Protein backbone atom coordinates (compact mmCIF):
# COMPACT_ATOMS: atom_id res chain seq x y z
CA MET A 1 0.00 0.00 0.00
CA LEU A 2 1.73 3.15 -1.23
CA ALA A 3 0.31 5.72 1.16
CA LYS A 4 1.54 8.32 3.60
CA ILE A 5 0.12 7.96 7.12
CA LEU A 6 0.36 10.53 9.91
CA LEU A 7 0.41 9.20 13.49
CA ALA A 8 -0.47 11.73 16.19
CA ASP A 9 -0.10 10.65 19.83
CA ASP A 10 1.65 12.29 22.77
CA HIS A 11 3.18 8.99 23.90
CA ALA A 12 6.33 8.09 21.98
CA VAL A 13 6.03 4.40 22.88
CA VAL A 14 2.53 4.25 21.40
CA ARG A 15 3.66 5.98 18.21
CA LYS A 16 6.61 3.65 17.75
CA GLY A 17 4.43 0.60 18.29
CA LEU A 18 1.78 1.79 15.84
CA ARG A 19 4.46 2.69 13.32
CA ALA A 20 5.99 -0.76 13.51
CA ILE A 21 2.60 -2.40 13.01
CA LEU A 22 1.60 -0.25 10.04
CA GLU A 23 4.95 -0.54 8.29
CA LYS A 24 4.87 -4.32 8.72
CA GLU A 25 1.23 -4.93 7.79
CA LEU A 26 0.86 -2.27 5.08
CA SER A 27 3.87 -2.81 2.90
CA GLY A 28 5.10 0.32 1.15
CA CYS A 29 3.39 2.87 3.41
CA THR A 30 5.31 5.87 4.74
CA VAL A 31 4.67 6.87 8.35
CA ILE A 32 5.28 10.32 9.84
CA GLU A 33 4.80 11.21 13.52
CA ALA A 34 3.37 14.09 15.53
CA SER A 35 3.55 14.37 19.32
CA ASP A 36 0.69 16.85 19.79
CA GLY A 37 -2.28 18.41 18.03
CA VAL A 38 -0.47 21.53 16.84
CA GLN A 39 2.26 19.45 15.20
CA ALA A 40 -0.36 17.15 13.68
CA VAL A 41 -2.15 20.06 12.01
CA ASP A 42 1.12 21.46 10.72
CA LEU A 43 2.36 18.12 9.36
CA ALA A 44 -0.99 17.42 7.73
CA ARG A 45 -0.73 20.74 5.92
CA ARG A 46 2.90 20.30 4.83
CA GLU A 47 3.05 16.55 4.17
CA GLU A 48 -0.51 15.96 2.85
CA PRO A 49 -0.88 12.36 4.10
CA GLU A 50 -3.68 10.16 2.80
CA LEU A 51 -4.59 9.13 6.35
CA ALA A 52 -4.11 10.59 9.84
CA VAL A 53 -4.40 8.32 12.90
CA ILE A 54 -5.09 10.65 15.80
CA ASP A 55 -5.36 10.25 19.56
CA ILE A 56 -8.01 12.66 20.85
CA GLY A 57 -6.50 12.89 24.36
CA MET A 58 -3.39 14.91 23.51
CA PRO A 59 -2.44 17.94 25.64
CA GLY A 60 -2.59 21.48 24.29
CA LEU A 61 -4.60 21.31 21.08
CA ASN A 62 -6.72 18.21 21.64
CA GLY A 63 -7.28 15.59 18.95
CA LEU A 64 -10.85 16.61 18.19
CA GLU A 65 -9.87 20.20 17.47
CA ALA A 66 -6.89 18.96 15.46
CA ILE A 67 -9.26 16.86 13.35
CA ARG A 68 -11.51 19.85 12.72
CA GLN A 69 -8.59 22.02 11.62
CA ILE A 70 -7.07 19.31 9.42
CA ILE A 71 -10.35 18.66 7.62
CA ARG A 72 -11.03 22.35 7.12
CA ARG A 73 -7.63 22.83 5.48
CA SER A 74 -7.29 19.46 3.72
CA PRO A 75 -10.67 17.76 3.34
CA VAL A 76 -9.21 14.91 1.27
CA ILE A 77 -7.30 13.57 4.29
CA ARG A 78 -9.02 10.62 5.93
CA ILE A 79 -9.03 10.50 9.73
CA LEU A 80 -8.97 7.46 12.01
CA VAL A 81 -9.43 8.26 15.71
CA LEU A 82 -7.54 6.06 18.16
CA SER A 83 -8.86 6.64 21.66
CA LEU A 84 -9.37 5.34 25.19
CA HIS A 85 -12.82 6.94 25.30
CA ASN A 86 -15.94 4.93 24.47
CA GLU A 87 -18.62 7.51 25.30
CA GLU A 88 -21.28 8.10 22.64
CA ALA A 89 -20.96 11.90 22.75
CA ILE A 90 -17.23 11.77 22.01
CA VAL A 91 -17.63 9.22 19.21
CA ARG A 92 -20.37 11.32 17.60
CA ARG A 93 -18.30 14.46 17.90
CA ALA A 94 -15.33 12.79 16.20
CA PHE A 95 -17.49 11.92 13.19
CA LYS A 96 -19.08 15.35 13.30
CA TYR A 97 -15.66 16.95 12.93
CA GLY A 98 -14.77 14.78 9.94
CA ALA A 99 -13.39 11.43 11.15
CA SER A 100 -13.93 8.38 8.95
CA GLY A 101 -13.32 5.85 11.72
CA TYR A 102 -13.18 5.47 15.49
CA LEU A 103 -11.03 2.79 17.09
CA LEU A 104 -10.35 1.99 20.74
CA LYS A 105 -6.70 1.69 21.77
CA GLU A 106 -7.38 -1.74 23.25
CA CYS A 107 -8.09 -3.14 19.77
CA ALA A 108 -6.16 -6.05 18.30
CA VAL A 109 -3.61 -5.54 15.53
CA ASP A 110 -5.93 -7.20 13.01
CA GLU A 111 -8.70 -4.72 13.79
CA LEU A 112 -6.35 -1.75 13.44
CA VAL A 113 -5.15 -2.93 10.05
CA GLY A 114 -8.71 -3.77 8.99
CA ALA A 115 -9.93 -0.31 10.00
CA VAL A 116 -7.18 1.40 8.00
CA LYS A 117 -7.95 -0.71 4.93
CA ALA A 118 -11.70 -0.06 5.26
CA ILE A 119 -11.15 3.69 5.43
CA PHE A 120 -8.89 3.61 2.38
CA GLN A 121 -11.79 1.89 0.59
CA GLY A 122 -14.03 4.84 1.43
CA LYS A 123 -15.91 3.15 4.27
CA ARG A 124 -16.61 4.33 7.81
CA TYR A 125 -15.38 2.24 10.71
CA LEU A 126 -16.67 1.86 14.25
CA SER A 127 -14.58 -0.11 16.74
CA ALA A 128 -15.90 -3.53 17.63
CA GLY A 129 -14.83 -2.73 21.20
CA LEU A 130 -17.32 0.10 21.57
CA PRO A 131 -20.43 -0.76 23.60
CA ALA A 132 -23.17 -2.08 21.34
CA SER A 133 -25.45 0.70 22.57
CA VAL A 134 -22.96 3.34 21.37
CA ARG A 135 -22.43 1.73 17.97
CA ASP A 136 -26.18 1.35 17.46
CA ALA A 137 -26.87 4.92 18.58
CA VAL A 138 -24.27 6.42 16.22
CA ARG A 139 -25.52 4.38 13.25
CA ARG A 140 -29.15 5.06 14.10
CA ARG A 141 -28.59 8.80 14.40
CA ARG A 142 -26.84 9.03 11.03
CA LYS A 143 -29.50 6.88 9.35
CA LYS A 144 -32.34 8.91 10.84
CA ASP A 145 -30.81 12.29 10.06
CA PRO A 146 -27.68 12.26 7.85
CA THR A 147 -27.48 16.06 8.10
CA SER A 148 -27.49 16.15 11.91
CA ASP A 149 -23.72 16.61 11.94
CA PRO A 150 -23.35 20.18 10.67
CA MET A 151 -19.56 20.06 10.39
CA ASP A 152 -19.87 17.66 7.44
CA ILE A 153 -21.68 20.43 5.58
CA GLU A 154 -19.56 23.26 6.94
CA THR A 155 -16.36 21.61 5.70
CA LEU A 156 -17.49 21.68 2.06
CA THR A 157 -14.96 23.77 0.17
CA SER A 158 -15.92 26.35 -2.44
CA ARG A 159 -14.58 24.03 -5.15
CA GLU A 160 -16.65 21.12 -3.83
CA ARG A 161 -19.76 23.31 -3.96
CA GLU A 162 -18.94 24.22 -7.56
CA VAL A 163 -18.59 20.55 -8.46
CA LEU A 164 -21.82 19.80 -6.61
CA GLY A 165 -23.71 22.45 -8.58
CA LEU A 166 -22.44 21.09 -11.90
CA LEU A 167 -23.31 17.53 -10.91
CA ALA A 168 -26.82 18.72 -10.13
CA GLU A 169 -27.03 20.16 -13.65
CA GLY A 170 -26.23 16.74 -15.05
CA HIS A 171 -22.62 17.28 -16.14
CA ASN A 172 -20.22 14.33 -16.16
CA ASN A 173 -16.65 14.32 -14.84
CA SER A 174 -15.07 15.35 -18.14
CA ALA A 175 -17.45 18.27 -18.64
CA ILE A 176 -16.94 19.48 -15.07
CA ALA A 177 -13.17 19.21 -15.45
CA GLU A 178 -13.31 21.29 -18.62
CA GLN A 179 -15.47 24.00 -17.07
CA LEU A 180 -13.39 24.28 -13.90
CA PHE A 181 -10.00 23.82 -15.61
CA ILE A 182 -9.10 20.81 -13.47
CA SER A 183 -8.44 17.17 -14.28
CA PRO A 184 -11.18 14.49 -14.36
CA GLU A 185 -9.29 12.68 -11.59
CA THR A 186 -9.58 15.78 -9.39
CA VAL A 187 -13.31 15.87 -10.12
CA ARG A 188 -13.60 12.23 -9.04
CA THR A 189 -11.78 13.07 -5.80
CA HIS A 190 -14.20 15.93 -5.12
CA ARG A 191 -17.16 13.59 -5.77
CA LYS A 192 -15.81 11.04 -3.31
CA ASN A 193 -15.29 13.71 -0.68
CA LEU A 194 -18.79 15.11 -1.20
CA MET A 195 -20.32 11.66 -0.73
CA ARG A 196 -18.19 10.98 2.33
CA LYS A 197 -19.02 14.29 4.00
CA LEU A 198 -22.74 14.07 3.26
CA ASP A 199 -22.86 10.30 3.90
CA VAL A 200 -24.55 9.32 0.63
CA HIS A 201 -23.60 6.68 -1.91
CA ASN A 202 -24.80 7.85 -5.32
CA ILE A 203 -25.22 11.06 -7.29
CA ALA A 204 -29.03 11.10 -7.09
CA ALA A 205 -28.95 10.98 -3.28
CA LEU A 206 -26.16 13.56 -3.23
CA VAL A 207 -28.16 16.04 -5.30
CA LYS A 208 -31.39 15.38 -3.35
CA LEU A 209 -29.70 15.96 0.00
CA SER A 210 -27.98 19.08 -1.30
CA LEU A 211 -31.27 20.56 -2.50
CA GLU A 212 -32.99 19.78 0.79
CA ASN A 213 -30.24 21.57 2.71
CA HIS A 214 -30.01 24.52 0.28
CA LEU A 215 -26.41 23.72 -0.65
CA ILE A 216 -27.29 24.32 -4.31
CA PRO A 217 -30.10 26.36 -5.89
CA ARG A 218 -33.17 24.58 -7.20
CA LEU A 219 -33.19 24.35 -10.97
């Protein structure tokens, strides 16, 4: 797996252990380390990793705020939270701020690797170690009201909104790329990010949700 992964944890022993696991299990990945939230935000901006694995209990700038800042600046970066906390409110807030997965630190190596692979496939991941009531509540809340997490909407960039508007008009990737003077691959990346942030899985649902939330004008 040729990917750059950022590890953010204030405990050096934890970082070294995670690094060893990821480099062994995900052949070809490059791992960079941050010891606090401020450094994590800075490295995410400068290094542009595909994935950031972040502990939310860091001193100074906590992991949740670091996630919010990283996503605001670089919405293409995927976030996997690694935490000791299993409370529903914290799990929900992590997803609200832009995380793609939430994993407890007590997890087995296989689950860590599986979570990373799932996130790289565009899926969300909830730790098997979370109480069933928490996992069910998080899933139920998102299913009942996919727009209940306002940060997903707030983190849409101006370019993503442009792509969204053109998708709503029925343009394909090539046409959008031509109009916006970007590559079709960049358009595909924006589409994936839009679907991830708004938690939908096809263009029809994306456009419908966007109209309902006034993200694009009605035609």
